[in-house]
Amino acid sequence: MIDLICLVFIILGIILLILGNINIRKNKNTLVENKDDYNFCVLIPARDESKVIEGLLKSLKVSVNMQDVYVIVEDINDKTVDICKKYNTNVILRTTKRQRKGYALDEAIKQIKDYNLYFIFDADNVVDKNFFKEMKKTYEQGYDIGVGYRNCKNGNDNIISACSSLTFSMINTLGNDFRNKHNANIIVSGTGFYIKGSWIKKWQGYPFHTLTEDYELSLYSILNSMTSHYNDKAIFYDEQPTEFSQTIKQRVRWIKGYFEARKKYIPLILKQLKQPNYGSKYSVCLGVRAFIYIIIGIVIFMLKNIVLLFMNFNFISLISLLSIIFLSYLIMMIVTIKMIKKDKLDLNYKMKIKTIFYNPIYLSTYVYCALKALFTKEVVWSKIEHKKN
């Protein structure tokens, strides 16, 4: 009976994956070419980021008017302020203490003049010299949201930072690249993106305040038929955690924010499945749910065999348990190889080999992170110390 339940979950997951794939191919997006000037600003939430922000400002100086760069801080005595003065950027001092990136961006936007585009970066980012040149092409095509390619500053530091960087490869190289091909809404992940000023003006601020404001923006864009595009030639660099405990905290927050955002938007999206841009709407409703069902089926099967082994050693249960573990590991290895082969991450050959074998283990810990997120009543935003300038 339990085996049948596991099979039903796995089959249901596969069906949802197929349905999401079929529907996203039917997506319809209407673009209006932009004739306006490429007039943009850069917003950088930067609480206590004096160790890394100079790297970002130095990279921006190559192609950006620094008077259009706004660094958001919480304390005027923050050493970040002195570095900003050195590069002649604007410093915005927050007046409230609500600790989420969305709140910081909301305060800043309400204090600055209007722009055609608003770029958002984290203080630990570094921007490639051609980033804005490439993003201009995306803007001129008429996209409301443009997302760049996230490379990694410290992927070779250790296996944790390498595997952490592959999380975004999964979102972009496997997910958003496929969505691009079918003119569907992409998923915004973290930073290195722009939003068209007409939407900012409509919102009169930045209305996305969940733990994962980037995913909330993604769902909003699907609900409201905003057009979005992933530009893998617009490259920027990001620092990844090097300690496993940091990745646990980070991923628990992501998963908690994921459910928080979906609870808010998915009921609204479900009501619009036959309206314009319905391909993206089907995909966001079915895609991740499919993987959850498959994982539930596998986990239940494994737990059943573990219980049987403890109750009464059974060779068949042992073989079944080892077989499903090996098969799951092998599938995640294949996915990792595909990502490494297709992606442009700055990982050396030795680190790529290590990652192929370790990343499946890293991915499996998402199950623990999901359980912790579900059973933790309140997950608060916690700062990850950035060091690599």
Protein backbone atom coordinates (compact mmCIF):
# COMPACT_ATOMS: atom_id res chain seq x y z
CA MET A 1 0.00 0.00 0.00
CA ILE A 2 2.81 2.43 0.91
CA ASP A 3 4.64 1.56 -2.32
CA LEU A 4 1.48 2.38 -4.25
CA ILE A 5 1.22 5.79 -2.51
CA CYS A 6 4.86 6.52 -3.40
CA LEU A 7 4.23 5.54 -7.00
CA VAL A 8 1.14 7.78 -7.20
CA PHE A 9 3.14 10.79 -5.93
CA ILE A 10 5.97 10.18 -8.42
CA ILE A 11 3.63 9.63 -11.39
CA LEU A 12 1.60 12.71 -10.45
CA GLY A 13 4.82 14.75 -10.29
CA ILE A 14 5.90 13.54 -13.74
CA ILE A 15 2.46 14.38 -15.19
CA LEU A 16 2.61 17.90 -13.75
CA LEU A 17 6.11 18.38 -15.20
CA ILE A 18 4.85 17.35 -18.65
CA LEU A 19 1.78 19.61 -18.41
CA GLY A 20 3.91 22.57 -17.29
CA ASN A 21 6.32 21.96 -20.18
CA ILE A 22 3.52 21.72 -22.76
CA ASN A 23 1.75 24.85 -21.58
CA ILE A 24 4.84 27.05 -21.33
CA ARG A 25 5.41 26.40 -25.04
CA LYS A 26 2.06 28.08 -25.70
CA ASN A 27 3.06 31.29 -23.94
CA LYS A 28 2.19 34.64 -25.49
CA ASN A 29 4.02 37.85 -24.67
CA THR A 30 3.64 41.16 -26.45
CA LEU A 31 6.69 43.43 -26.61
CA VAL A 32 6.72 47.14 -27.37
CA GLU A 33 10.12 48.44 -28.48
CA ASN A 34 11.53 51.17 -26.26
CA LYS A 35 12.46 54.41 -28.01
CA ASP A 36 13.18 56.30 -24.77
CA ASP A 37 16.70 57.14 -23.60
CA TYR A 38 18.60 54.50 -21.68
CA ASN A 39 18.22 56.49 -18.47
CA PHE A 40 18.80 54.36 -15.38
CA CYS A 41 19.84 54.31 -11.74
CA VAL A 42 21.49 51.66 -9.57
CA LEU A 43 20.12 50.77 -6.13
CA ILE A 44 22.35 48.97 -3.61
CA PRO A 45 21.08 47.91 -0.16
CA ALA A 46 24.31 47.88 1.89
CA ARG A 47 24.12 47.51 5.64
CA ASP A 48 27.66 47.07 7.06
CA GLU A 49 29.13 46.10 3.70
CA SER A 50 32.36 48.13 3.87
CA LYS A 51 34.46 44.98 3.26
CA VAL A 52 33.06 44.39 -0.22
CA ILE A 53 31.22 47.39 -1.64
CA GLU A 54 34.32 49.06 -3.09
CA GLY A 55 34.63 46.21 -5.58
CA LEU A 56 31.11 46.90 -6.86
CA LEU A 57 31.56 50.68 -7.00
CA LYS A 58 34.85 50.32 -8.84
CA SER A 59 33.20 48.07 -11.45
CA LEU A 60 30.23 50.44 -11.82
CA LYS A 61 32.48 53.44 -12.36
CA VAL A 62 33.56 52.03 -15.74
CA SER A 63 30.14 52.44 -17.34
CA VAL A 64 27.79 54.29 -14.96
CA ASN A 65 27.34 57.93 -13.94
CA MET A 66 28.04 57.59 -10.22
CA GLN A 67 25.51 60.33 -9.47
CA ASP A 68 22.87 57.78 -10.48
CA VAL A 69 24.09 55.22 -7.95
CA TYR A 70 22.20 55.07 -4.62
CA VAL A 71 23.63 53.13 -1.69
CA ILE A 72 21.16 52.40 1.11
CA VAL A 73 22.51 52.24 4.69
CA GLU A 74 20.98 52.06 8.17
CA ASP A 75 23.60 53.98 10.14
CA ILE A 76 25.40 57.18 9.11
CA ASN A 77 28.47 55.91 11.02
CA ASP A 78 28.64 52.80 8.84
CA LYS A 79 32.12 52.64 7.22
CA THR A 80 30.32 51.97 3.94
CA VAL A 81 29.41 55.69 3.85
CA ASP A 82 33.07 56.78 3.70
CA ILE A 83 33.71 54.49 0.74
CA CYS A 84 30.63 55.85 -1.05
CA LYS A 85 31.91 59.42 -0.63
CA LYS A 86 35.18 58.35 -2.23
CA TYR A 87 33.26 57.27 -5.36
CA ASN A 88 30.87 60.24 -5.30
CA THR A 89 27.73 58.12 -4.99
CA ASN A 90 24.48 59.03 -3.27
CA VAL A 91 23.90 57.64 0.22
CA ILE A 92 20.34 57.10 1.43
CA LEU A 93 19.93 56.74 5.19
CA ARG A 94 17.00 54.56 6.18
CA THR A 95 14.50 55.98 8.65
CA THR A 96 12.82 52.70 9.63
CA LYS A 97 14.32 49.49 11.00
CA ARG A 98 12.27 46.90 9.08
CA GLN A 99 15.01 44.47 8.06
CA ARG A 100 14.19 43.17 4.63
CA LYS A 101 15.63 44.16 1.28
CA GLY A 102 12.19 45.05 -0.06
CA TYR A 103 11.64 47.64 2.69
CA ALA A 104 15.07 49.20 2.06
CA LEU A 105 14.37 49.49 -1.68
CA ASP A 106 10.93 50.93 -1.02
CA GLU A 107 12.35 53.72 1.16
CA ALA A 108 15.05 54.56 -1.36
CA ILE A 109 12.79 54.69 -4.42
CA LYS A 110 10.45 57.10 -2.67
CA GLN A 111 13.36 59.53 -2.14
CA ILE A 112 14.92 59.67 -5.61
CA LYS A 113 13.96 61.16 -8.96
CA ASP A 114 12.26 59.18 -11.73
CA TYR A 115 14.28 56.97 -14.08
CA ASN A 116 13.42 54.83 -17.09
CA LEU A 117 15.12 51.84 -15.47
CA TYR A 118 15.98 50.80 -11.93
CA PHE A 119 18.85 48.30 -11.53
CA ILE A 120 19.17 46.42 -8.25
CA PHE A 121 22.44 44.92 -6.95
CA ASP A 122 23.76 43.51 -3.70
CA ALA A 123 26.85 45.14 -2.19
CA ASP A 124 28.99 42.02 -2.74
CA ASN A 125 28.35 42.01 -6.51
CA VAL A 126 30.87 43.00 -9.17
CA VAL A 127 29.62 44.07 -12.61
CA ASP A 128 31.24 43.09 -15.91
CA LYS A 129 32.27 46.05 -18.07
CA ASN A 130 29.72 45.08 -20.76
CA PHE A 131 26.82 44.42 -18.37
CA PHE A 132 24.88 47.65 -19.02
CA LYS A 133 25.66 47.57 -22.73
CA GLU A 134 24.07 44.12 -22.96
CA MET A 135 21.13 45.10 -20.76
CA LYS A 136 20.44 48.04 -23.06
CA LYS A 137 19.61 45.52 -25.80
CA THR A 138 17.10 43.82 -23.52
CA TYR A 139 15.54 47.17 -22.60
CA GLU A 140 15.27 48.29 -26.24
CA GLN A 141 13.44 45.08 -27.11
CA GLY A 142 10.75 46.22 -24.69
CA TYR A 143 11.08 43.91 -21.68
CA ASP A 144 9.71 45.19 -18.36
CA ILE A 145 12.24 43.13 -16.38
CA GLY A 146 15.74 42.10 -17.45
CA VAL A 147 17.92 39.67 -15.49
CA GLY A 148 21.66 39.19 -16.00
CA TYR A 149 23.86 36.12 -15.71
CA ARG A 150 25.09 35.50 -12.16
CA ASN A 151 28.67 34.24 -12.08
CA CYS A 152 30.57 33.54 -8.84
CA LYS A 153 33.42 35.51 -7.26
CA ASN A 154 34.53 32.73 -4.93
CA GLY A 155 33.39 29.45 -6.46
CA ASN A 156 36.88 27.98 -6.10
CA ASP A 157 37.21 28.81 -2.39
CA ASN A 158 35.70 25.49 -1.33
CA ILE A 159 33.09 22.91 -2.33
CA ILE A 160 30.31 24.72 -0.39
CA SER A 161 30.63 27.96 -2.37
CA ALA A 162 30.89 25.98 -5.62
CA CYS A 163 27.68 24.03 -4.97
CA SER A 164 25.90 27.14 -3.70
CA SER A 165 26.70 28.92 -6.97
CA LEU A 166 25.11 26.05 -8.91
CA THR A 167 21.75 26.84 -7.28
CA PHE A 168 21.50 29.90 -9.52
CA SER A 169 22.75 27.92 -12.51
CA MET A 170 19.77 25.63 -11.98
CA ILE A 171 17.40 28.59 -11.99
CA ASN A 172 19.01 30.35 -14.96
CA THR A 173 20.75 27.79 -17.17
CA LEU A 174 18.13 25.05 -16.82
CA GLY A 175 15.04 27.14 -16.09
CA ASN A 176 15.19 30.68 -17.43
CA ASP A 177 17.08 29.72 -20.57
CA PHE A 178 14.23 27.34 -21.46
CA ARG A 179 11.66 30.02 -20.63
CA ASN A 180 13.47 32.50 -22.89
CA LYS A 181 13.16 30.16 -25.85
CA HIS A 182 9.39 30.12 -25.44
CA ASN A 183 8.99 33.82 -24.64
CA ALA A 184 7.75 33.01 -21.14
CA ASN A 185 8.21 34.91 -17.88
CA ILE A 186 11.52 34.17 -16.21
CA ILE A 187 12.17 33.71 -12.48
CA VAL A 188 14.09 36.59 -10.89
CA SER A 189 16.74 35.26 -8.51
CA GLY A 190 18.31 37.65 -6.04
CA THR A 191 19.97 40.54 -7.78
CA GLY A 192 21.51 41.85 -11.02
CA PHE A 193 18.23 42.83 -12.65
CA TYR A 194 16.31 45.90 -13.79
CA ILE A 195 12.68 46.96 -13.58
CA LYS A 196 11.20 49.42 -16.04
CA GLY A 197 10.47 52.82 -14.49
CA SER A 198 6.83 52.89 -15.63
CA TRP A 199 6.09 50.05 -13.22
CA ILE A 200 8.01 51.68 -10.37
CA LYS A 201 6.01 54.85 -10.98
CA LYS A 202 2.78 52.85 -10.90
CA TRP A 203 3.73 51.23 -7.58
CA GLN A 204 5.00 54.51 -6.06
CA GLY A 205 7.74 52.52 -4.38
CA TYR A 206 8.73 48.86 -4.13
CA PRO A 207 5.81 46.71 -2.90
CA PHE A 208 7.60 43.37 -2.48
CA HIS A 209 8.45 42.74 1.16
CA THR A 210 8.44 38.96 1.73
CA LEU A 211 11.56 37.04 2.77
CA THR A 212 12.16 36.37 -0.93
CA GLU A 213 11.17 39.64 -2.57
CA ASP A 214 12.76 38.48 -5.85
CA TYR A 215 10.43 35.47 -6.13
CA GLU A 216 7.50 37.65 -5.10
CA LEU A 217 8.37 40.01 -7.97
CA SER A 218 8.48 36.99 -10.30
CA LEU A 219 4.97 35.90 -9.30
CA TYR A 220 3.68 39.47 -9.57
CA SER A 221 5.12 39.73 -13.09
CA ILE A 222 3.34 36.53 -14.13
CA LEU A 223 0.05 37.63 -12.55
CA ASN A 224 0.17 41.04 -14.24
CA SER A 225 1.59 39.91 -17.61
CA MET A 226 4.83 41.88 -17.26
CA THR A 227 7.41 40.85 -19.86
CA SER A 228 10.75 39.55 -18.63
CA HIS A 229 13.98 38.25 -20.15
CA TYR A 230 17.16 36.47 -19.05
CA ASN A 231 20.26 37.92 -20.74
CA ASP A 232 23.18 35.51 -20.24
CA LYS A 233 25.60 37.96 -21.87
CA ALA A 234 25.00 40.58 -19.17
CA ILE A 235 27.40 39.17 -16.58
CA PHE A 236 27.83 40.08 -12.93
CA TYR A 237 29.59 38.29 -10.08
CA ASP A 238 28.28 37.30 -6.67
CA GLU A 239 29.84 35.97 -3.46
CA GLN A 240 28.55 32.64 -2.16
CA PRO A 241 28.67 31.31 1.43
CA THR A 242 31.69 29.16 2.29
CA GLU A 243 30.21 27.60 5.45
CA PHE A 244 27.55 24.90 5.34
CA SER A 245 25.68 26.40 8.32
CA GLN A 246 25.33 29.66 6.37
CA THR A 247 23.80 27.87 3.40
CA ILE A 248 21.29 26.17 5.70
CA LYS A 249 20.14 29.53 7.11
CA GLN A 250 20.02 31.02 3.62
CA ARG A 251 18.02 28.16 2.09
CA VAL A 252 15.59 27.93 5.00
CA ARG A 253 14.84 31.64 4.45
CA TRP A 254 14.42 31.08 0.70
CA ILE A 255 12.00 28.20 1.21
CA LYS A 256 10.01 30.07 3.88
CA GLY A 257 9.82 33.10 1.58
CA TYR A 258 8.87 30.86 -1.34
CA PHE A 259 5.80 29.55 0.51
CA GLU A 260 5.01 33.05 1.81
CA ALA A 261 4.99 34.49 -1.72
CA ARG A 262 3.05 31.59 -3.25
CA LYS A 263 0.38 31.80 -0.56
CA LYS A 264 -0.14 35.42 -1.58
CA TYR A 265 -0.08 35.09 -5.37
CA ILE A 266 -0.91 31.55 -6.55
CA PRO A 267 -4.66 31.79 -5.71
CA LEU A 268 -4.79 34.96 -7.82
CA ILE A 269 -2.83 33.35 -10.67
CA LEU A 270 -5.11 30.29 -10.69
CA LYS A 271 -8.05 32.58 -11.50
CA GLN A 272 -6.29 33.81 -14.66
CA LEU A 273 -5.17 30.56 -16.31
CA LYS A 274 -7.05 31.32 -19.54
CA GLN A 275 -5.99 34.95 -19.79
CA PRO A 276 -2.93 36.35 -21.67
CA ASN A 277 0.46 34.85 -20.76
CA TYR A 278 -1.25 31.69 -19.56
CA GLY A 279 1.80 29.53 -20.36
CA SER A 280 3.82 31.13 -17.59
CA LYS A 281 0.83 30.91 -15.26
CA TYR A 282 0.48 27.15 -15.81
CA SER A 283 4.21 26.64 -15.42
CA VAL A 284 4.55 28.47 -12.10
CA CYS A 285 1.53 26.63 -10.68
CA LEU A 286 2.68 23.17 -11.77
CA GLY A 287 6.48 23.17 -12.11
CA VAL A 288 7.80 23.30 -8.55
CA ARG A 289 4.78 21.36 -7.25
CA ALA A 290 5.80 18.53 -9.58
CA PHE A 291 9.26 18.27 -8.03
CA ILE A 292 7.75 18.39 -4.52
CA TYR A 293 5.46 15.43 -5.32
CA ILE A 294 8.36 13.42 -6.75
CA ILE A 295 10.52 14.14 -3.69
CA ILE A 296 7.66 13.22 -1.32
CA GLY A 297 7.23 9.89 -3.11
CA ILE A 298 10.96 9.10 -2.88
CA VAL A 299 11.24 10.15 0.78
CA ILE A 300 8.21 8.06 1.85
CA PHE A 301 9.66 5.03 0.05
CA MET A 302 13.02 5.50 1.76
CA LEU A 303 11.44 5.97 5.21
CA LYS A 304 9.37 2.82 4.77
CA ASN A 305 12.46 0.74 4.03
CA ILE A 306 14.42 2.31 6.89
CA VAL A 307 11.61 1.41 9.33
CA LEU A 308 11.52 -2.17 8.02
CA LEU A 309 15.28 -2.48 8.48
CA PHE A 310 15.06 -1.35 12.10
CA MET A 311 12.07 -3.54 12.90
CA ASN A 312 13.35 -6.69 11.27
CA PHE A 313 16.41 -6.81 9.02
CA ASN A 314 15.26 -7.60 5.51
CA PHE A 315 17.69 -8.01 2.62
CA ILE A 316 15.09 -6.93 0.06
CA SER A 317 14.37 -3.72 2.01
CA LEU A 318 18.10 -3.00 2.17
CA ILE A 319 18.52 -3.51 -1.58
CA SER A 320 15.45 -1.34 -2.28
CA LEU A 321 16.72 1.44 -0.03
CA LEU A 322 20.22 1.40 -1.52
CA SER A 323 18.80 1.27 -5.05
CA ILE A 324 16.61 4.36 -4.62
CA ILE A 325 19.49 6.24 -2.93
CA PHE A 326 21.87 5.32 -5.75
CA LEU A 327 19.32 6.17 -8.47
CA SER A 328 18.53 9.56 -6.89
CA TYR A 329 22.26 10.28 -6.54
CA LEU A 330 22.88 9.30 -10.16
CA ILE A 331 20.07 11.53 -11.48
CA MET A 332 21.37 14.52 -9.49
CA MET A 333 24.90 13.79 -10.78
CA ILE A 334 23.63 13.88 -14.38
CA VAL A 335 21.83 17.18 -13.71
CA THR A 336 25.03 18.60 -12.18
CA ILE A 337 27.12 17.50 -15.17
CA LYS A 338 24.61 19.11 -17.54
CA MET A 339 24.74 22.39 -15.59
CA ILE A 340 28.54 22.46 -15.45
CA LYS A 341 28.81 21.62 -19.14
CA LYS A 342 26.31 24.27 -20.21
CA ASP A 343 27.10 26.97 -17.67
CA LYS A 344 29.89 29.58 -17.70
CA LEU A 345 30.73 29.54 -13.99
CA ASP A 346 34.32 30.39 -13.11
CA LEU A 347 35.16 27.02 -11.57
CA ASN A 348 38.51 25.38 -12.19
CA TYR A 349 38.71 21.81 -13.53
CA LYS A 350 39.48 20.26 -10.13
CA MET A 351 36.53 22.03 -8.47
CA LYS A 352 34.17 20.96 -11.27
CA ILE A 353 35.07 17.29 -10.69
CA LYS A 354 34.55 17.67 -6.93
CA THR A 355 31.22 19.41 -7.50
CA ILE A 356 29.88 16.61 -9.73
CA PHE A 357 30.26 14.17 -6.82
CA TYR A 358 29.35 16.47 -3.92
CA ASN A 359 26.48 18.52 -5.40
CA PRO A 360 23.94 15.63 -5.21
CA ILE A 361 24.57 15.48 -1.45
CA TYR A 362 24.22 19.27 -1.22
CA LEU A 363 20.94 19.14 -3.16
CA SER A 364 19.57 16.39 -0.90
CA THR A 365 19.94 18.70 2.12
CA TYR A 366 17.16 20.86 0.65
CA VAL A 367 14.79 18.28 2.14
CA TYR A 368 16.11 19.12 5.62
CA CYS A 369 15.91 22.86 4.85
CA ALA A 370 12.30 22.47 3.67
CA LEU A 371 11.29 20.60 6.83
CA LYS A 372 13.01 23.19 9.01
CA ALA A 373 11.24 26.00 7.12
CA LEU A 374 7.85 24.30 7.52
CA PHE A 375 8.24 23.73 11.26
CA THR A 376 9.86 27.05 12.13
CA LYS A 377 7.15 29.52 13.02
CA GLU A 378 9.10 32.65 12.12
CA VAL A 379 12.24 32.89 10.01
CA VAL A 380 14.03 36.22 10.31
CA TRP A 381 16.41 37.77 7.82
CA SER A 382 20.00 37.27 8.96
CA LYS A 383 23.08 38.88 7.48
CA ILE A 384 25.66 36.71 5.70
CA GLU A 385 29.15 38.10 6.19
CA HIS A 386 30.75 39.03 2.87
CA LYS A 387 34.53 39.17 2.69
CA LYS A 388 35.74 38.81 -0.90
CA ASN A 389 36.27 42.25 -2.44
